[in-house]
N, C-alpha and C. Protein backbone atom coordinates (compact mmCIF):
# COMPACT_ATOMS: atom_id res chain seq x y z
N GLY A 1 94.97 107.60 74.34
CA GLY A 1 95.18 108.87 75.01
C GLY A 1 96.57 108.98 75.57
N GLN A 2 96.73 110.01 76.38
CA GLN A 2 98.06 110.32 76.90
C GLN A 2 98.53 109.35 77.98
N GLY A 3 97.61 108.85 78.79
CA GLY A 3 98.00 107.97 79.89
C GLY A 3 98.40 106.58 79.46
N TYR A 4 98.13 106.21 78.21
CA TYR A 4 98.36 104.84 77.76
C TYR A 4 99.81 104.39 77.92
N ALA A 5 100.73 105.16 77.36
CA ALA A 5 102.14 104.75 77.38
C ALA A 5 102.63 104.58 78.81
N MET A 6 102.22 105.48 79.68
CA MET A 6 102.68 105.42 81.06
C MET A 6 102.17 104.16 81.75
N SER A 7 100.88 103.86 81.63
CA SER A 7 100.34 102.69 82.31
C SER A 7 100.92 101.40 81.74
N ALA A 8 101.19 101.37 80.44
CA ALA A 8 101.78 100.18 79.83
C ALA A 8 103.16 99.94 80.41
N THR A 9 103.92 101.00 80.63
CA THR A 9 105.26 100.86 81.18
C THR A 9 105.21 100.35 82.62
N ILE A 10 104.32 100.91 83.40
CA ILE A 10 104.24 100.54 84.82
C ILE A 10 103.89 99.07 84.97
N VAL A 11 102.96 98.58 84.17
CA VAL A 11 102.56 97.18 84.26
C VAL A 11 103.75 96.26 83.96
N ALA A 12 104.55 96.63 82.97
CA ALA A 12 105.65 95.78 82.54
C ALA A 12 106.81 95.77 83.54
N GLU A 13 106.94 96.81 84.33
CA GLU A 13 108.09 96.90 85.23
C GLU A 13 107.88 96.08 86.49
N PRO A 14 108.91 95.34 86.87
CA PRO A 14 108.80 94.62 88.14
C PRO A 14 108.77 95.62 89.30
N ASN A 15 108.00 95.30 90.30
CA ASN A 15 107.90 96.20 91.44
C ASN A 15 108.11 95.48 92.75
N VAL A 16 108.77 96.17 93.63
CA VAL A 16 108.99 95.68 94.98
C VAL A 16 107.93 96.34 95.86
N SER A 17 107.23 95.56 96.69
CA SER A 17 106.23 96.13 97.60
C SER A 17 106.89 96.69 98.85
N SER A 18 107.88 95.95 99.35
CA SER A 18 108.56 96.42 100.55
C SER A 18 109.93 95.78 100.67
N ILE A 19 110.78 96.47 101.41
CA ILE A 19 112.06 95.90 101.84
C ILE A 19 112.08 96.07 103.35
N VAL A 20 112.28 94.98 104.05
CA VAL A 20 112.21 95.00 105.50
C VAL A 20 113.46 94.35 106.06
N ILE A 21 114.08 95.02 107.02
CA ILE A 21 115.22 94.44 107.73
C ILE A 21 114.85 94.42 109.20
N ILE A 22 114.74 93.22 109.76
CA ILE A 22 114.38 93.09 111.17
C ILE A 22 115.38 92.20 111.88
N ASP A 23 115.46 92.37 113.20
CA ASP A 23 116.34 91.49 113.95
C ASP A 23 115.60 90.19 114.30
N SER A 24 116.30 89.28 114.97
CA SER A 24 115.72 87.96 115.24
C SER A 24 114.58 88.01 116.25
N GLN A 25 114.37 89.17 116.88
CA GLN A 25 113.24 89.35 117.79
C GLN A 25 112.05 90.00 117.09
N GLY A 26 112.22 90.34 115.82
CA GLY A 26 111.14 90.97 115.08
C GLY A 26 111.15 92.49 115.19
N GLU A 27 112.20 93.05 115.79
CA GLU A 27 112.31 94.51 115.90
C GLU A 27 112.86 95.08 114.60
N ARG A 28 112.26 96.16 114.13
CA ARG A 28 112.65 96.76 112.87
C ARG A 28 114.01 97.46 112.97
N ILE A 29 114.85 97.22 111.99
CA ILE A 29 116.09 97.98 111.84
C ILE A 29 115.86 99.03 110.76
N ALA A 30 115.29 98.61 109.64
CA ALA A 30 114.97 99.54 108.56
C ALA A 30 113.85 98.93 107.73
N ALA A 31 113.03 99.79 107.16
CA ALA A 31 111.96 99.28 106.30
C ALA A 31 111.53 100.36 105.33
N ARG A 32 111.17 99.93 104.14
CA ARG A 32 110.60 100.82 103.15
C ARG A 32 109.38 100.10 102.58
N TYR A 33 108.24 100.79 102.64
CA TYR A 33 107.01 100.24 102.05
C TYR A 33 106.64 101.09 100.85
N PHE A 34 106.33 100.44 99.74
CA PHE A 34 106.07 101.16 98.49
C PHE A 34 104.63 101.04 98.01
N THR A 35 103.79 100.31 98.75
CA THR A 35 102.40 100.17 98.35
C THR A 35 101.50 100.70 99.45
N ASP A 36 100.24 100.87 99.12
CA ASP A 36 99.30 101.46 100.07
C ASP A 36 98.65 100.45 101.00
N ASP A 37 98.87 99.17 100.78
CA ASP A 37 98.13 98.20 101.59
C ASP A 37 98.62 98.10 103.03
N LEU A 38 99.81 98.58 103.31
CA LEU A 38 100.33 98.56 104.68
C LEU A 38 100.74 99.97 105.07
N LYS A 39 99.75 100.83 105.26
CA LYS A 39 100.03 102.24 105.51
C LYS A 39 100.40 102.52 106.96
N THR A 40 99.69 101.88 107.90
CA THR A 40 99.89 102.22 109.31
C THR A 40 101.09 101.46 109.87
N LEU A 41 101.69 102.05 110.87
CA LEU A 41 102.81 101.41 111.55
C LEU A 41 102.36 100.07 112.13
N HIS A 42 101.16 100.05 112.70
CA HIS A 42 100.64 98.81 113.29
C HIS A 42 100.54 97.70 112.24
N ALA A 43 99.99 98.03 111.08
CA ALA A 43 99.86 97.04 109.99
C ALA A 43 101.24 96.55 109.55
N GLN A 44 102.19 97.48 109.47
CA GLN A 44 103.56 97.12 109.07
C GLN A 44 104.20 96.20 110.11
N GLN A 45 104.01 96.52 111.38
CA GLN A 45 104.60 95.69 112.44
C GLN A 45 104.01 94.29 112.44
N GLN A 46 102.70 94.19 112.21
CA GLN A 46 102.05 92.87 112.13
C GLN A 46 102.63 92.09 110.95
N PHE A 47 102.79 92.77 109.83
CA PHE A 47 103.35 92.16 108.62
C PHE A 47 104.78 91.67 108.91
N GLU A 48 105.58 92.50 109.59
CA GLU A 48 106.96 92.14 109.90
C GLU A 48 107.01 90.95 110.84
N LYS A 49 106.11 90.89 111.81
CA LYS A 49 106.06 89.75 112.72
C LYS A 49 105.69 88.46 111.97
N SER A 50 104.73 88.57 111.04
CA SER A 50 104.38 87.36 110.29
C SER A 50 105.50 86.95 109.33
N LEU A 51 106.21 87.93 108.77
CA LEU A 51 107.39 87.59 107.94
C LEU A 51 108.39 86.79 108.76
N LEU A 52 108.69 87.28 109.96
CA LEU A 52 109.68 86.61 110.80
C LEU A 52 109.21 85.22 111.20
N SER A 53 107.95 85.09 111.63
CA SER A 53 107.49 83.78 112.08
C SER A 53 107.52 82.77 110.92
N LYS A 54 107.18 83.23 109.72
CA LYS A 54 107.26 82.33 108.56
C LYS A 54 108.72 81.99 108.23
N ALA A 55 109.60 82.98 108.36
CA ALA A 55 111.02 82.75 108.06
C ALA A 55 111.61 81.75 109.06
N LEU A 56 111.21 81.86 110.33
CA LEU A 56 111.75 80.96 111.35
C LEU A 56 111.31 79.51 111.11
N LYS A 57 110.16 79.34 110.46
CA LYS A 57 109.68 77.98 110.16
C LYS A 57 110.43 77.38 108.98
N CYS A 58 111.03 78.22 108.16
CA CYS A 58 111.81 77.79 107.00
C CYS A 58 113.23 77.56 107.47
N SER A 59 113.59 76.34 107.76
CA SER A 59 114.94 76.17 108.32
C SER A 59 115.91 75.66 107.27
N SER A 60 115.61 75.90 106.01
CA SER A 60 116.53 75.43 104.97
C SER A 60 117.81 76.27 105.02
N GLN A 61 118.87 75.68 104.55
CA GLN A 61 120.17 76.36 104.61
C GLN A 61 120.52 77.05 103.30
N SER A 62 119.55 77.20 102.41
CA SER A 62 119.87 77.82 101.13
C SER A 62 120.13 79.31 101.31
N GLU A 63 120.73 79.92 100.29
CA GLU A 63 121.08 81.34 100.38
C GLU A 63 119.86 82.21 100.55
N SER A 64 118.81 81.93 99.78
CA SER A 64 117.60 82.73 99.93
C SER A 64 116.40 81.81 99.90
N ASP A 65 115.36 82.20 100.61
CA ASP A 65 114.15 81.40 100.68
C ASP A 65 112.98 82.23 100.19
N ILE A 66 111.93 81.55 99.75
CA ILE A 66 110.75 82.21 99.21
C ILE A 66 109.53 81.84 100.06
N LEU A 67 108.77 82.85 100.45
CA LEU A 67 107.55 82.64 101.22
C LEU A 67 106.37 83.19 100.43
N LEU A 68 105.24 82.51 100.50
CA LEU A 68 104.00 83.00 99.88
C LEU A 68 102.95 83.12 100.97
N PHE A 69 102.36 84.30 101.13
CA PHE A 69 101.26 84.43 102.09
C PHE A 69 100.52 85.74 101.90
N ASP A 70 99.24 85.73 102.23
CA ASP A 70 98.39 86.93 102.19
C ASP A 70 98.53 87.75 100.91
N GLY A 71 98.63 87.10 99.77
CA GLY A 71 98.73 87.85 98.53
C GLY A 71 100.10 88.44 98.27
N HIS A 72 101.09 88.07 99.09
CA HIS A 72 102.45 88.58 98.93
C HIS A 72 103.40 87.43 98.62
N ILE A 73 104.46 87.77 97.95
CA ILE A 73 105.58 86.85 97.84
C ILE A 73 106.74 87.54 98.54
N ALA A 74 107.44 86.80 99.39
CA ALA A 74 108.56 87.38 100.12
C ALA A 74 109.77 86.49 99.93
N VAL A 75 110.91 87.12 99.69
CA VAL A 75 112.16 86.38 99.64
C VAL A 75 113.02 86.93 100.77
N PHE A 76 113.82 86.05 101.37
CA PHE A 76 114.63 86.54 102.49
C PHE A 76 115.97 85.84 102.59
N ARG A 77 116.88 86.55 103.24
CA ARG A 77 118.19 86.00 103.60
C ARG A 77 118.47 86.37 105.03
N GLU A 78 119.21 85.51 105.67
CA GLU A 78 119.52 85.71 107.08
C GLU A 78 120.94 86.24 107.21
N GLY A 79 121.11 87.26 108.08
CA GLY A 79 122.45 87.69 108.44
C GLY A 79 122.81 87.02 109.76
N LYS A 80 123.65 87.64 110.59
CA LYS A 80 124.00 87.04 111.88
C LYS A 80 122.79 86.95 112.78
N ASP A 81 122.17 88.09 113.08
CA ASP A 81 120.95 88.09 113.90
C ASP A 81 119.90 89.00 113.29
N VAL A 82 119.96 89.11 111.96
CA VAL A 82 118.99 89.94 111.23
C VAL A 82 118.46 89.16 110.03
N TYR A 83 117.30 89.59 109.59
CA TYR A 83 116.69 89.03 108.39
C TYR A 83 116.43 90.15 107.40
N LEU A 84 116.77 89.92 106.15
CA LEU A 84 116.47 90.86 105.07
C LEU A 84 115.34 90.26 104.24
N PHE A 85 114.27 91.03 104.08
CA PHE A 85 113.13 90.58 103.28
C PHE A 85 112.90 91.54 102.12
N VAL A 86 112.60 90.99 100.96
CA VAL A 86 112.13 91.79 99.84
C VAL A 86 110.79 91.17 99.46
N THR A 87 109.75 91.99 99.41
CA THR A 87 108.43 91.45 99.10
C THR A 87 107.86 92.09 97.84
N GLY A 88 106.97 91.35 97.22
CA GLY A 88 106.27 91.84 96.04
C GLY A 88 104.87 91.27 96.03
N ASP A 89 104.09 91.70 95.07
CA ASP A 89 102.76 91.13 94.87
C ASP A 89 102.93 89.65 94.52
N GLN A 90 101.93 88.84 94.84
CA GLN A 90 102.05 87.40 94.59
C GLN A 90 102.29 87.05 93.12
N ASN A 91 101.97 87.98 92.21
CA ASN A 91 102.19 87.73 90.78
C ASN A 91 103.56 88.20 90.31
N GLU A 92 104.33 88.77 91.22
CA GLU A 92 105.66 89.27 90.86
C GLU A 92 106.59 88.09 90.59
N ASN A 93 107.59 88.33 89.79
CA ASN A 93 108.59 87.31 89.47
C ASN A 93 109.57 87.19 90.64
N GLU A 94 109.56 86.02 91.29
CA GLU A 94 110.41 85.87 92.48
C GLU A 94 111.89 85.91 92.16
N ILE A 95 112.25 85.58 90.92
CA ILE A 95 113.66 85.63 90.53
C ILE A 95 114.17 87.07 90.60
N ILE A 96 113.34 88.01 90.17
CA ILE A 96 113.72 89.42 90.24
C ILE A 96 113.81 89.87 91.70
N LEU A 97 112.87 89.43 92.53
CA LEU A 97 112.92 89.79 93.95
C LEU A 97 114.19 89.23 94.61
N VAL A 98 114.55 88.00 94.23
CA VAL A 98 115.78 87.40 94.77
C VAL A 98 117.00 88.20 94.32
N GLU A 99 116.99 88.68 93.07
CA GLU A 99 118.12 89.50 92.60
C GLU A 99 118.25 90.79 93.40
N VAL A 100 117.11 91.42 93.71
CA VAL A 100 117.13 92.63 94.54
C VAL A 100 117.67 92.29 95.93
N LEU A 101 117.17 91.20 96.49
CA LEU A 101 117.61 90.75 97.81
C LEU A 101 119.12 90.51 97.84
N ASN A 102 119.62 89.79 96.84
CA ASN A 102 121.05 89.48 96.80
C ASN A 102 121.90 90.73 96.59
N ALA A 103 121.40 91.66 95.77
CA ALA A 103 122.13 92.92 95.56
C ALA A 103 122.25 93.67 96.88
N LEU A 104 121.15 93.70 97.64
CA LEU A 104 121.15 94.40 98.92
C LEU A 104 122.09 93.71 99.90
N TYR A 105 121.98 92.40 99.98
CA TYR A 105 122.81 91.61 100.90
C TYR A 105 124.30 91.82 100.58
N ASN A 106 124.64 91.72 99.29
CA ASN A 106 126.04 91.86 98.89
C ASN A 106 126.56 93.29 99.10
N ALA A 107 125.68 94.27 98.89
CA ALA A 107 126.08 95.66 99.14
C ALA A 107 126.41 95.84 100.62
N TYR A 108 125.56 95.30 101.49
CA TYR A 108 125.82 95.41 102.94
C TYR A 108 127.08 94.68 103.33
N ALA A 109 127.30 93.50 102.74
CA ALA A 109 128.50 92.73 103.05
C ALA A 109 129.76 93.52 102.67
N SER A 110 129.66 94.35 101.61
CA SER A 110 130.80 95.16 101.19
C SER A 110 130.93 96.46 101.98
N LEU A 111 129.78 97.07 102.32
CA LEU A 111 129.80 98.42 102.92
C LEU A 111 129.92 98.44 104.43
N LEU A 112 129.40 97.42 105.10
CA LEU A 112 129.39 97.45 106.56
C LEU A 112 130.74 96.99 107.10
N PRO A 113 131.18 97.58 108.22
CA PRO A 113 132.47 97.20 108.81
C PRO A 113 132.54 95.69 109.04
N GLY A 114 133.60 95.09 108.53
CA GLY A 114 133.77 93.65 108.69
C GLY A 114 132.77 92.84 107.89
N GLY A 115 132.01 93.51 107.02
CA GLY A 115 131.01 92.81 106.22
C GLY A 115 129.94 92.15 107.07
N SER A 116 129.74 92.70 108.26
CA SER A 116 128.87 92.04 109.23
C SER A 116 127.42 92.49 109.16
N LEU A 117 126.54 91.56 108.80
CA LEU A 117 125.11 91.84 108.80
C LEU A 117 124.55 91.44 110.15
N ASP A 118 124.77 92.32 111.13
CA ASP A 118 124.21 92.07 112.46
C ASP A 118 123.52 93.33 112.95
N ARG A 119 122.65 93.15 113.94
CA ARG A 119 121.79 94.22 114.42
C ARG A 119 122.61 95.44 114.87
N HIS A 120 123.62 95.19 115.68
CA HIS A 120 124.41 96.29 116.25
C HIS A 120 125.07 97.12 115.14
N THR A 121 125.76 96.44 114.22
CA THR A 121 126.45 97.14 113.13
C THR A 121 125.46 97.89 112.25
N MET A 122 124.34 97.25 111.93
CA MET A 122 123.37 97.88 111.03
C MET A 122 122.72 99.10 111.66
N LEU A 123 122.45 99.05 112.96
CA LEU A 123 121.88 100.22 113.63
C LEU A 123 122.91 101.33 113.74
N GLU A 124 124.17 100.93 114.00
CA GLU A 124 125.25 101.91 114.11
C GLU A 124 125.51 102.61 112.77
N LYS A 125 125.35 101.88 111.69
CA LYS A 125 125.61 102.40 110.34
C LYS A 125 124.29 102.54 109.56
N LEU A 126 123.25 102.98 110.25
CA LEU A 126 121.92 103.05 109.65
C LEU A 126 121.90 103.92 108.39
N ASP A 127 122.72 104.97 108.36
CA ASP A 127 122.77 105.83 107.18
C ASP A 127 123.19 105.04 105.94
N ILE A 128 124.19 104.17 106.09
CA ILE A 128 124.66 103.33 104.98
C ILE A 128 123.59 102.31 104.61
N VAL A 129 122.96 101.74 105.64
CA VAL A 129 121.90 100.74 105.42
C VAL A 129 120.78 101.34 104.57
N LEU A 130 120.33 102.54 104.95
CA LEU A 130 119.23 103.19 104.23
C LEU A 130 119.67 103.66 102.84
N LEU A 131 120.90 104.14 102.74
CA LEU A 131 121.42 104.61 101.46
C LEU A 131 121.45 103.49 100.43
N ALA A 132 121.98 102.34 100.82
CA ALA A 132 122.06 101.21 99.89
C ALA A 132 120.66 100.78 99.46
N LEU A 133 119.75 100.80 100.43
CA LEU A 133 118.36 100.46 100.16
C LEU A 133 117.77 101.38 99.09
N ASP A 134 118.01 102.67 99.26
CA ASP A 134 117.46 103.66 98.34
C ASP A 134 118.17 103.66 96.98
N GLU A 135 119.40 103.14 96.94
CA GLU A 135 120.13 103.05 95.66
C GLU A 135 119.56 101.91 94.81
N ILE A 136 118.98 100.91 95.46
CA ILE A 136 118.49 99.73 94.76
C ILE A 136 117.05 99.90 94.29
N VAL A 137 116.21 100.42 95.19
CA VAL A 137 114.79 100.54 94.88
C VAL A 137 114.31 101.96 95.18
N ASP A 138 113.56 102.52 94.24
CA ASP A 138 112.98 103.85 94.44
C ASP A 138 111.48 103.75 94.18
N ASN A 139 110.68 104.03 95.20
CA ASN A 139 109.22 103.92 95.09
C ASN A 139 108.77 102.59 94.51
N GLY A 140 109.49 101.53 94.84
CA GLY A 140 109.11 100.21 94.37
C GLY A 140 109.72 99.82 93.04
N GLY A 141 110.27 100.80 92.31
CA GLY A 141 110.92 100.50 91.04
C GLY A 141 112.37 100.13 91.28
N ILE A 142 112.84 99.12 90.57
CA ILE A 142 114.21 98.63 90.78
C ILE A 142 115.17 99.50 89.98
N LEU A 143 116.12 100.14 90.69
CA LEU A 143 117.07 101.03 90.04
C LEU A 143 118.35 100.31 89.66
N GLU A 144 118.83 99.46 90.53
CA GLU A 144 120.18 98.91 90.35
C GLU A 144 120.28 97.58 91.07
N ILE A 145 120.72 96.54 90.36
CA ILE A 145 120.94 95.28 91.06
C ILE A 145 122.38 94.79 90.92
N GLU A 146 123.22 95.57 90.27
CA GLU A 146 124.65 95.23 90.24
C GLU A 146 125.28 95.83 91.49
N PRO A 147 125.95 95.02 92.31
CA PRO A 147 126.45 95.55 93.58
C PRO A 147 127.52 96.63 93.46
N SER A 148 128.39 96.59 92.43
CA SER A 148 129.49 97.55 92.41
C SER A 148 129.08 99.02 92.38
N PRO A 149 128.10 99.44 91.54
CA PRO A 149 127.70 100.87 91.59
C PRO A 149 127.09 101.26 92.93
N ILE A 150 126.35 100.32 93.55
CA ILE A 150 125.74 100.60 94.85
C ILE A 150 126.83 100.81 95.88
N VAL A 151 127.79 99.89 95.90
CA VAL A 151 128.89 99.98 96.86
C VAL A 151 129.70 101.24 96.61
N HIS A 152 129.95 101.54 95.33
CA HIS A 152 130.73 102.73 94.98
C HIS A 152 130.05 103.99 95.51
N ARG A 153 128.76 104.15 95.21
CA ARG A 153 128.04 105.35 95.65
C ARG A 153 127.89 105.36 97.16
N GLY A 154 127.60 104.20 97.74
CA GLY A 154 127.45 104.12 99.19
C GLY A 154 128.75 104.45 99.89
N GLY A 155 129.86 103.94 99.33
CA GLY A 155 131.17 104.21 99.91
C GLY A 155 131.55 105.67 99.80
N MET A 156 131.24 106.30 98.66
CA MET A 156 131.57 107.72 98.47
C MET A 156 130.81 108.57 99.48
N ARG A 157 129.50 108.30 99.61
CA ARG A 157 128.70 109.13 100.52
C ARG A 157 129.00 108.79 101.97
N GLY A 158 129.37 107.53 102.20
CA GLY A 158 129.67 107.12 103.56
C GLY A 158 130.99 107.69 104.06
N ALA A 159 131.82 108.17 103.13
CA ALA A 159 133.15 108.66 103.50
C ALA A 159 133.15 110.15 103.84
N GLY A 160 132.04 110.63 104.37
CA GLY A 160 132.00 112.01 104.83
C GLY A 160 131.56 113.02 103.80
N ALA A 161 131.21 112.55 102.60
CA ALA A 161 130.71 113.48 101.58
C ALA A 161 129.31 113.95 101.94
N ALA A 162 128.98 115.14 101.56
CA ALA A 162 127.63 115.65 101.82
C ALA A 162 126.64 114.89 100.95
N PRO A 163 125.42 114.65 101.45
CA PRO A 163 124.45 113.89 100.67
C PRO A 163 124.04 114.63 99.41
């Protein structure tokens, strides 16, 4: 039937469940949820708190770390006093999630003043933070993981151009 091609495509495409940026106290800076399992703000906040507590237990010094819990896979990187998380279903390919995470991290390092991934700068430049996020992932589908087009578009819009 007609729905076949569409469902076959969706299954094959990697999907991001959420992108979460929180500070070291667990306070949200920005977040995008693309699945229905965490609809309420309360559920999202609980999820963000458990992401942070798991991240704090991972004290490895590697660029990105991988967490598995509650049917989710989460990859994260630490900024100065912020954490960037990209999550997917537990069956998602973590390498793809890490690529999304690194694209986001590198875009912020290029777009934010002084390349600083810290709470104050990210809240002050929230428009850029959200823009880069939306350039990479749309409704859970990965749009772009090469940093230069993201930085280019983010820089153009960040320079006073109308959205």
